[in-house]
Amino acid sequence: MYVAFAHVASSLALHPEKLLVATGQIGKEPYICVWDSLTAQNVSILKDGHKQGVAAMGFDKEGHVSIL
C-alpha cells in the first residue's frame, strides 16, 4: 500500500504507459504526487498553484500531467 497524503486523495490518473500514477489531494496545502506504479516509490511532488484541492487531472499522450 502506498501512503503519501495527510488528507484524502481526491483524484487519480494513470500514465499512458501505466508506469506512473498521479494522485491529487484536498486539504489546506494540497499537492499532486507522482509515483512509480510498480515500486510505489515517489517520483515527484507538485505543490504550486493548488488552493483548495485537485478535483481532476490526467496524463496527455506525451505523458505530461494536465490539471483540469
PDB file of N, CA and C in Angstrom:
ATOM      1  N   MET A   1       0.835  -1.177   0.000  1.00  0.00           N
ATOM      2  CA  MET A   1       0.000   0.000   0.000  1.00  0.00           C
ATOM      3  C   MET A   1       0.880   1.241   0.000  1.00  0.00           C
ATOM      4  N   TYR A   2       0.511   2.225  -0.812  1.00  0.00           N
ATOM      5  CA  TYR A   2       1.255   3.479  -0.918  1.00  0.00           C
ATOM      6  C   TYR A   2       0.555   4.553  -0.098  1.00  0.00           C
ATOM      7  N   VAL A   3       1.265   5.178   0.827  1.00  0.00           N
ATOM      8  CA  VAL A   3       0.694   6.229   1.655  1.00  0.00           C
ATOM      9  C   VAL A   3       1.583   7.463   1.553  1.00  0.00           C
ATOM     10  N   ALA A   4       1.017   8.580   1.040  1.00  0.00           N
ATOM     11  CA  ALA A   4       1.798   9.801   0.916  1.00  0.00           C
ATOM     12  C   ALA A   4       1.023  11.037   1.335  1.00  0.00           C
ATOM     13  N   PHE A   5      -0.221  10.881   1.708  1.00  0.00           N
ATOM     14  CA  PHE A   5      -1.072  12.032   1.949  1.00  0.00           C
ATOM     15  C   PHE A   5      -1.424  12.176   3.423  1.00  0.00           C
ATOM     16  N   ALA A   6      -1.534  13.437   3.831  1.00  0.00           N
ATOM     17  CA  ALA A   6      -2.044  13.725   5.165  1.00  0.00           C
ATOM     18  C   ALA A   6      -3.565  13.856   5.126  1.00  0.00           C
ATOM     19  N   HIS A   7      -4.126  14.054   3.920  1.00  0.00           N
ATOM     20  CA  HIS A   7      -5.562  14.219   3.728  1.00  0.00           C
ATOM     21  C   HIS A   7      -6.043  13.225   2.671  1.00  0.00           C
ATOM     22  N   VAL A   8      -7.280  13.375   2.269  1.00  0.00           N
ATOM     23  CA  VAL A   8      -7.912  12.451   1.329  1.00  0.00           C
ATOM     24  C   VAL A   8      -7.408  12.686  -0.105  1.00  0.00           C
ATOM     25  N   ALA A   9      -7.100  11.609  -0.815  1.00  0.00           N
ATOM     26  CA  ALA A   9      -6.784  11.703  -2.243  1.00  0.00           C
ATOM     27  C   ALA A   9      -8.089  11.933  -2.988  1.00  0.00           C
ATOM     28  N   SER A  10      -8.128  12.996  -3.800  1.00  0.00           N
ATOM     29  CA  SER A  10      -9.374  13.364  -4.473  1.00  0.00           C
ATOM     30  C   SER A  10      -9.387  13.012  -5.955  1.00  0.00           C
ATOM     31  N   SER A  11      -8.236  12.687  -6.512  1.00  0.00           N
ATOM     32  CA  SER A  11      -8.174  12.350  -7.931  1.00  0.00           C
ATOM     33  C   SER A  11      -6.999  11.409  -8.190  1.00  0.00           C
ATOM     34  N   LEU A  12      -7.110  10.683  -9.289  1.00  0.00           N
ATOM     35  CA  LEU A  12      -6.077   9.717  -9.654  1.00  0.00           C
ATOM     36  C   LEU A  12      -5.983   9.674 -11.173  1.00  0.00           C
ATOM     37  N   ALA A  13      -4.757   9.595 -11.687  1.00  0.00           N
ATOM     38  CA  ALA A  13      -4.546   9.481 -13.131  1.00  0.00           C
ATOM     39  C   ALA A  13      -3.465   8.438 -13.399  1.00  0.00           C
ATOM     40  N   LEU A  14      -3.672   7.634 -14.420  1.00  0.00           N
ATOM     41  CA  LEU A  14      -2.720   6.602 -14.813  1.00  0.00           C
ATOM     42  C   LEU A  14      -2.019   7.029 -16.100  1.00  0.00           C
ATOM     43  N   HIS A  15      -0.692   6.996 -16.101  1.00  0.00           N
ATOM     44  CA  HIS A  15       0.117   7.346 -17.264  1.00  0.00           C
ATOM     45  C   HIS A  15      -0.220   6.410 -18.429  1.00  0.00           C
ATOM     46  N   PRO A  16      -0.137   6.893 -19.685  1.00  0.00           N
ATOM     47  CA  PRO A  16      -0.458   6.043 -20.843  1.00  0.00           C
ATOM     48  C   PRO A  16       0.339   4.732 -20.893  1.00  0.00           C
ATOM     49  N   GLU A  17       1.576   4.749 -20.398  1.00  0.00           N
ATOM     50  CA  GLU A  17       2.390   3.523 -20.392  1.00  0.00           C
ATOM     51  C   GLU A  17       2.188   2.705 -19.119  1.00  0.00           C
ATOM     52  N   LYS A  18       1.332   3.206 -18.224  1.00  0.00           N
ATOM     53  CA  LYS A  18       0.960   2.532 -16.978  1.00  0.00           C
ATOM     54  C   LYS A  18       2.116   2.348 -16.001  1.00  0.00           C
ATOM     55  N   LEU A  19       3.186   3.132 -16.164  1.00  0.00           N
ATOM     56  CA  LEU A  19       4.326   3.041 -15.259  1.00  0.00           C
ATOM     57  C   LEU A  19       4.270   4.093 -14.156  1.00  0.00           C
ATOM     58  N   LEU A  20       3.478   5.143 -14.366  1.00  0.00           N
ATOM     59  CA  LEU A  20       3.346   6.202 -13.374  1.00  0.00           C
ATOM     60  C   LEU A  20       1.881   6.405 -13.019  1.00  0.00           C
ATOM     61  N   VAL A  21       1.667   6.806 -11.782  1.00  0.00           N
ATOM     62  CA  VAL A  21       0.340   7.158 -11.306  1.00  0.00           C
ATOM     63  C   VAL A  21       0.460   8.523 -10.630  1.00  0.00           C
ATOM     64  N   ALA A  22      -0.503   9.392 -10.866  1.00  0.00           N
ATOM     65  CA  ALA A  22      -0.553  10.678 -10.185  1.00  0.00           C
ATOM     66  C   ALA A  22      -1.810  10.717  -9.330  1.00  0.00           C
ATOM     67  N   THR A  23      -1.653  11.178  -8.100  1.00  0.00           N
ATOM     68  CA  THR A  23      -2.789  11.322  -7.213  1.00  0.00           C
ATOM     69  C   THR A  23      -2.837  12.753  -6.697  1.00  0.00           C
ATOM     70  N   GLY A  24      -4.039  13.327  -6.660  1.00  0.00           N
ATOM     71  CA  GLY A  24      -4.233  14.686  -6.177  1.00  0.00           C
ATOM     72  C   GLY A  24      -4.884  14.666  -4.811  1.00  0.00           C
ATOM     73  N   GLN A  25      -4.683  15.716  -4.073  1.00  0.00           N
ATOM     74  CA  GLN A  25      -5.117  15.781  -2.689  1.00  0.00           C
ATOM     75  C   GLN A  25      -6.022  16.989  -2.456  1.00  0.00           C
ATOM     76  N   ILE A  26      -6.889  16.885  -1.458  1.00  0.00           N
ATOM     77  CA  ILE A  26      -7.657  18.035  -0.981  1.00  0.00           C
ATOM     78  C   ILE A  26      -7.143  18.376   0.411  1.00  0.00           C
ATOM     79  N   GLY A  27      -7.365  19.598   0.833  1.00  0.00           N
ATOM     80  CA  GLY A  27      -6.931  19.999   2.162  1.00  0.00           C
ATOM     81  C   GLY A  27      -6.328  21.389   2.163  1.00  0.00           C
ATOM     82  N   LYS A  28      -5.687  21.774   3.271  1.00  0.00           N
ATOM     83  CA  LYS A  28      -5.121  23.112   3.433  1.00  0.00           C
ATOM     84  C   LYS A  28      -3.989  23.397   2.455  1.00  0.00           C
ATOM     85  N   GLU A  29      -3.114  22.462   2.237  1.00  0.00           N
ATOM     86  CA  GLU A  29      -1.973  22.624   1.331  1.00  0.00           C
ATOM     87  C   GLU A  29      -1.922  21.439   0.363  1.00  0.00           C
ATOM     88  N   PRO A  30      -2.872  21.397  -0.581  1.00  0.00           N
ATOM     89  CA  PRO A  30      -2.962  20.241  -1.480  1.00  0.00           C
ATOM     90  C   PRO A  30      -1.807  20.178  -2.471  1.00  0.00           C
ATOM     91  N   TYR A  31      -1.523  18.985  -2.927  1.00  0.00           N
ATOM     92  CA  TYR A  31      -0.485  18.785  -3.928  1.00  0.00           C
ATOM     93  C   TYR A  31      -0.795  17.551  -4.761  1.00  0.00           C
ATOM     94  N   ILE A  32      -0.018  17.394  -5.818  1.00  0.00           N
ATOM     95  CA  ILE A  32      -0.095  16.205  -6.666  1.00  0.00           C
ATOM     96  C   ILE A  32       1.155  15.387  -6.414  1.00  0.00           C
ATOM     97  N   CYS A  33       0.968  14.115  -6.215  1.00  0.00           N
ATOM     98  CA  CYS A  33       2.091  13.203  -6.025  1.00  0.00           C
ATOM     99  C   CYS A  33       2.149  12.261  -7.232  1.00  0.00           C
ATOM    100  N   VAL A  34       3.305  12.188  -7.871  1.00  0.00           N
ATOM    101  CA  VAL A  34       3.515  11.266  -8.992  1.00  0.00           C
ATOM    102  C   VAL A  34       4.399  10.149  -8.466  1.00  0.00           C
ATOM    103  N   TRP A  35       3.976   8.923  -8.683  1.00  0.00           N
ATOM    104  CA  TRP A  35       4.733   7.807  -8.155  1.00  0.00           C
ATOM    105  C   TRP A  35       4.787   6.639  -9.133  1.00  0.00           C
ATOM    106  N   ASP A  36       5.776   5.821  -8.951  1.00  0.00           N
ATOM    107  CA  ASP A  36       6.015   4.639  -9.778  1.00  0.00           C
ATOM    108  C   ASP A  36       4.973   3.583  -9.434  1.00  0.00           C
ATOM    109  N   SER A  37       4.238   3.111 -10.421  1.00  0.00           N
ATOM    110  CA  SER A  37       3.151   2.160 -10.155  1.00  0.00           C
ATOM    111  C   SER A  37       3.652   0.758  -9.812  1.00  0.00           C
ATOM    112  N   LEU A  38       4.886   0.445 -10.133  1.00  0.00           N
ATOM    113  CA  LEU A  38       5.417  -0.886  -9.837  1.00  0.00           C
ATOM    114  C   LEU A  38       6.071  -0.960  -8.461  1.00  0.00           C
ATOM    115  N   THR A  39       6.782   0.103  -8.072  1.00  0.00           N
ATOM    116  CA  THR A  39       7.526   0.079  -6.812  1.00  0.00           C
ATOM    117  C   THR A  39       6.880   0.908  -5.707  1.00  0.00           C
ATOM    118  N   ALA A  40       5.893   1.746  -6.049  1.00  0.00           N
ATOM    119  CA  ALA A  40       5.242   2.675  -5.127  1.00  0.00           C
ATOM    120  C   ALA A  40       6.213   3.720  -4.580  1.00  0.00           C
ATOM    121  N   GLN A  41       7.293   3.962  -5.302  1.00  0.00           N
ATOM    122  CA  GLN A  41       8.253   4.996  -4.910  1.00  0.00           C
ATOM    123  C   GLN A  41       7.805   6.346  -5.453  1.00  0.00           C
ATOM    124  N   ASN A  42       7.956   7.384  -4.636  1.00  0.00           N
ATOM    125  CA  ASN A  42       7.607   8.738  -5.026  1.00  0.00           C
ATOM    126  C   ASN A  42       8.576   9.222  -6.112  1.00  0.00           C
ATOM    127  N   VAL A  43       8.032   9.747  -7.207  1.00  0.00           N
ATOM    128  CA  VAL A  43       8.833  10.271  -8.314  1.00  0.00           C
ATOM    129  C   VAL A  43       8.890  11.791  -8.254  1.00  0.00           C
ATOM    130  N   SER A  44       7.760  12.428  -7.928  1.00  0.00           N
ATOM    131  CA  SER A  44       7.691  13.885  -7.912  1.00  0.00           C
ATOM    132  C   SER A  44       6.508  14.350  -7.074  1.00  0.00           C
ATOM    133  N   ILE A  45       6.657  15.534  -6.463  1.00  0.00           N
ATOM    134  CA  ILE A  45       5.554  16.183  -5.763  1.00  0.00           C
ATOM    135  C   ILE A  45       5.393  17.572  -6.355  1.00  0.00           C
ATOM    136  N   LEU A  46       4.181  17.881  -6.809  1.00  0.00           N
ATOM    137  CA  LEU A  46       3.869  19.169  -7.430  1.00  0.00           C
ATOM    138  C   LEU A  46       2.997  19.951  -6.460  1.00  0.00           C
ATOM    139  N   LYS A  47       3.536  21.039  -5.892  1.00  0.00           N
ATOM    140  CA  LYS A  47       2.841  21.776  -4.834  1.00  0.00           C
ATOM    141  C   LYS A  47       2.317  23.133  -5.261  1.00  0.00           C
ATOM    142  N   ASP A  48       2.788  23.713  -6.314  1.00  0.00           N
ATOM    143  CA  ASP A  48       2.452  25.097  -6.654  1.00  0.00           C
ATOM    144  C   ASP A  48       1.097  25.239  -7.317  1.00  0.00           C
ATOM    145  N   GLY A  49       0.340  26.255  -6.876  1.00  0.00           N
ATOM    146  CA  GLY A  49      -0.870  26.653  -7.568  1.00  0.00           C
ATOM    147  C   GLY A  49      -2.157  25.965  -7.180  1.00  0.00           C
ATOM    148  N   HIS A  50      -2.133  25.083  -6.221  1.00  0.00           N
ATOM    149  CA  HIS A  50      -3.342  24.376  -5.823  1.00  0.00           C
ATOM    150  C   HIS A  50      -3.876  25.008  -4.545  1.00  0.00           C
ATOM    151  N   LYS A  51      -5.048  25.624  -4.623  1.00  0.00           N
ATOM    152  CA  LYS A  51      -5.590  26.379  -3.489  1.00  0.00           C
ATOM    153  C   LYS A  51      -6.438  25.515  -2.548  1.00  0.00           C
ATOM    154  N   GLN A  52      -7.421  24.814  -3.086  1.00  0.00           N
ATOM    155  CA  GLN A  52      -8.358  24.036  -2.273  1.00  0.00           C
ATOM    156  C   GLN A  52      -8.171  22.530  -2.451  1.00  0.00           C
ATOM    157  N   GLY A  53      -7.678  22.149  -3.613  1.00  0.00           N
ATOM    158  CA  GLY A  53      -7.500  20.738  -3.894  1.00  0.00           C
ATOM    159  C   GLY A  53      -7.437  20.480  -5.382  1.00  0.00           C
ATOM    160  N   VAL A  54      -7.180  19.259  -5.732  1.00  0.00           N
ATOM    161  CA  VAL A  54      -7.088  18.833  -7.129  1.00  0.00           C
ATOM    162  C   VAL A  54      -8.273  17.921  -7.404  1.00  0.00           C
ATOM    163  N   ALA A  55      -9.273  18.449  -8.120  1.00  0.00           N
ATOM    164  CA  ALA A  55     -10.514  17.711  -8.363  1.00  0.00           C
ATOM    165  C   ALA A  55     -10.394  16.730  -9.515  1.00  0.00           C
ATOM    166  N   ALA A  56      -9.608  17.084 -10.539  1.00  0.00           N
ATOM    167  CA  ALA A  56      -9.473  16.214 -11.707  1.00  0.00           C
ATOM    168  C   ALA A  56      -8.145  16.482 -12.394  1.00  0.00           C
ATOM    169  N   MET A  57      -7.557  15.448 -12.924  1.00  0.00           N
ATOM    170  CA  MET A  57      -6.311  15.566 -13.675  1.00  0.00           C
ATOM    171  C   MET A  57      -6.165  14.345 -14.564  1.00  0.00           C
ATOM    172  N   GLY A  58      -5.198  14.397 -15.460  1.00  0.00           N
ATOM    173  CA  GLY A  58      -4.933  13.276 -16.344  1.00  0.00           C
ATOM    174  C   GLY A  58      -3.574  13.450 -17.001  1.00  0.00           C
ATOM    175  N   PHE A  59      -3.139  12.426 -17.676  1.00  0.00           N
ATOM    176  CA  PHE A  59      -1.911  12.479 -18.464  1.00  0.00           C
ATOM    177  C   PHE A  59      -2.294  12.652 -19.930  1.00  0.00           C
ATOM    178  N   ASP A  60      -1.561  13.495 -20.655  1.00  0.00           N
ATOM    179  CA  ASP A  60      -1.796  13.588 -22.089  1.00  0.00           C
ATOM    180  C   ASP A  60      -1.039  12.466 -22.798  1.00  0.00           C
ATOM    181  N   LYS A  61      -1.120  12.394 -24.116  1.00  0.00           N
ATOM    182  CA  LYS A  61      -0.485  11.306 -24.884  1.00  0.00           C
ATOM    183  C   LYS A  61       1.027  11.282 -24.730  1.00  0.00           C
ATOM    184  N   GLU A  62       1.626  12.470 -24.462  1.00  0.00           N
ATOM    185  CA  GLU A  62       3.070  12.548 -24.284  1.00  0.00           C
ATOM    186  C   GLU A  62       3.497  12.204 -22.852  1.00  0.00           C
ATOM    187  N   GLY A  63       2.515  12.035 -21.978  1.00  0.00           N
ATOM    188  CA  GLY A  63       2.814  11.663 -20.602  1.00  0.00           C
ATOM    189  C   GLY A  63       2.926  12.808 -19.626  1.00  0.00           C
ATOM    190  N   HIS A  64       2.508  14.015 -20.006  1.00  0.00           N
ATOM    191  CA  HIS A  64       2.531  15.172 -19.125  1.00  0.00           C
ATOM    192  C   HIS A  64       1.231  15.229 -18.312  1.00  0.00           C
ATOM    193  N   VAL A  65       1.337  15.653 -17.060  1.00  0.00           N
ATOM    194  CA  VAL A  65       0.153  15.786 -16.197  1.00  0.00           C
ATOM    195  C   VAL A  65      -0.610  17.047 -16.593  1.00  0.00           C
ATOM    196  N   SER A  66      -1.905  16.908 -16.781  1.00  0.00           N
ATOM    197  CA  SER A  66      -2.800  18.046 -17.049  1.00  0.00           C
ATOM    198  C   SER A  66      -3.796  18.142 -15.912  1.00  0.00           C
ATOM    199  N   ILE A  67      -3.911  19.335 -15.325  1.00  0.00           N
ATOM    200  CA  ILE A  67      -4.847  19.553 -14.238  1.00  0.00           C
ATOM    201  C   ILE A  67      -6.088  20.210 -14.823  1.00  0.00           C
ATOM    202  N   LEU A  68      -7.239  19.642 -14.553  1.00  0.00           N
ATOM    203  CA  LEU A  68      -8.488  20.142 -15.100  1.00  0.00           C
ATOM    204  C   LEU A  68      -9.244  20.967 -14.084  1.00  0.00           C
TER     205      LEU A  68
END
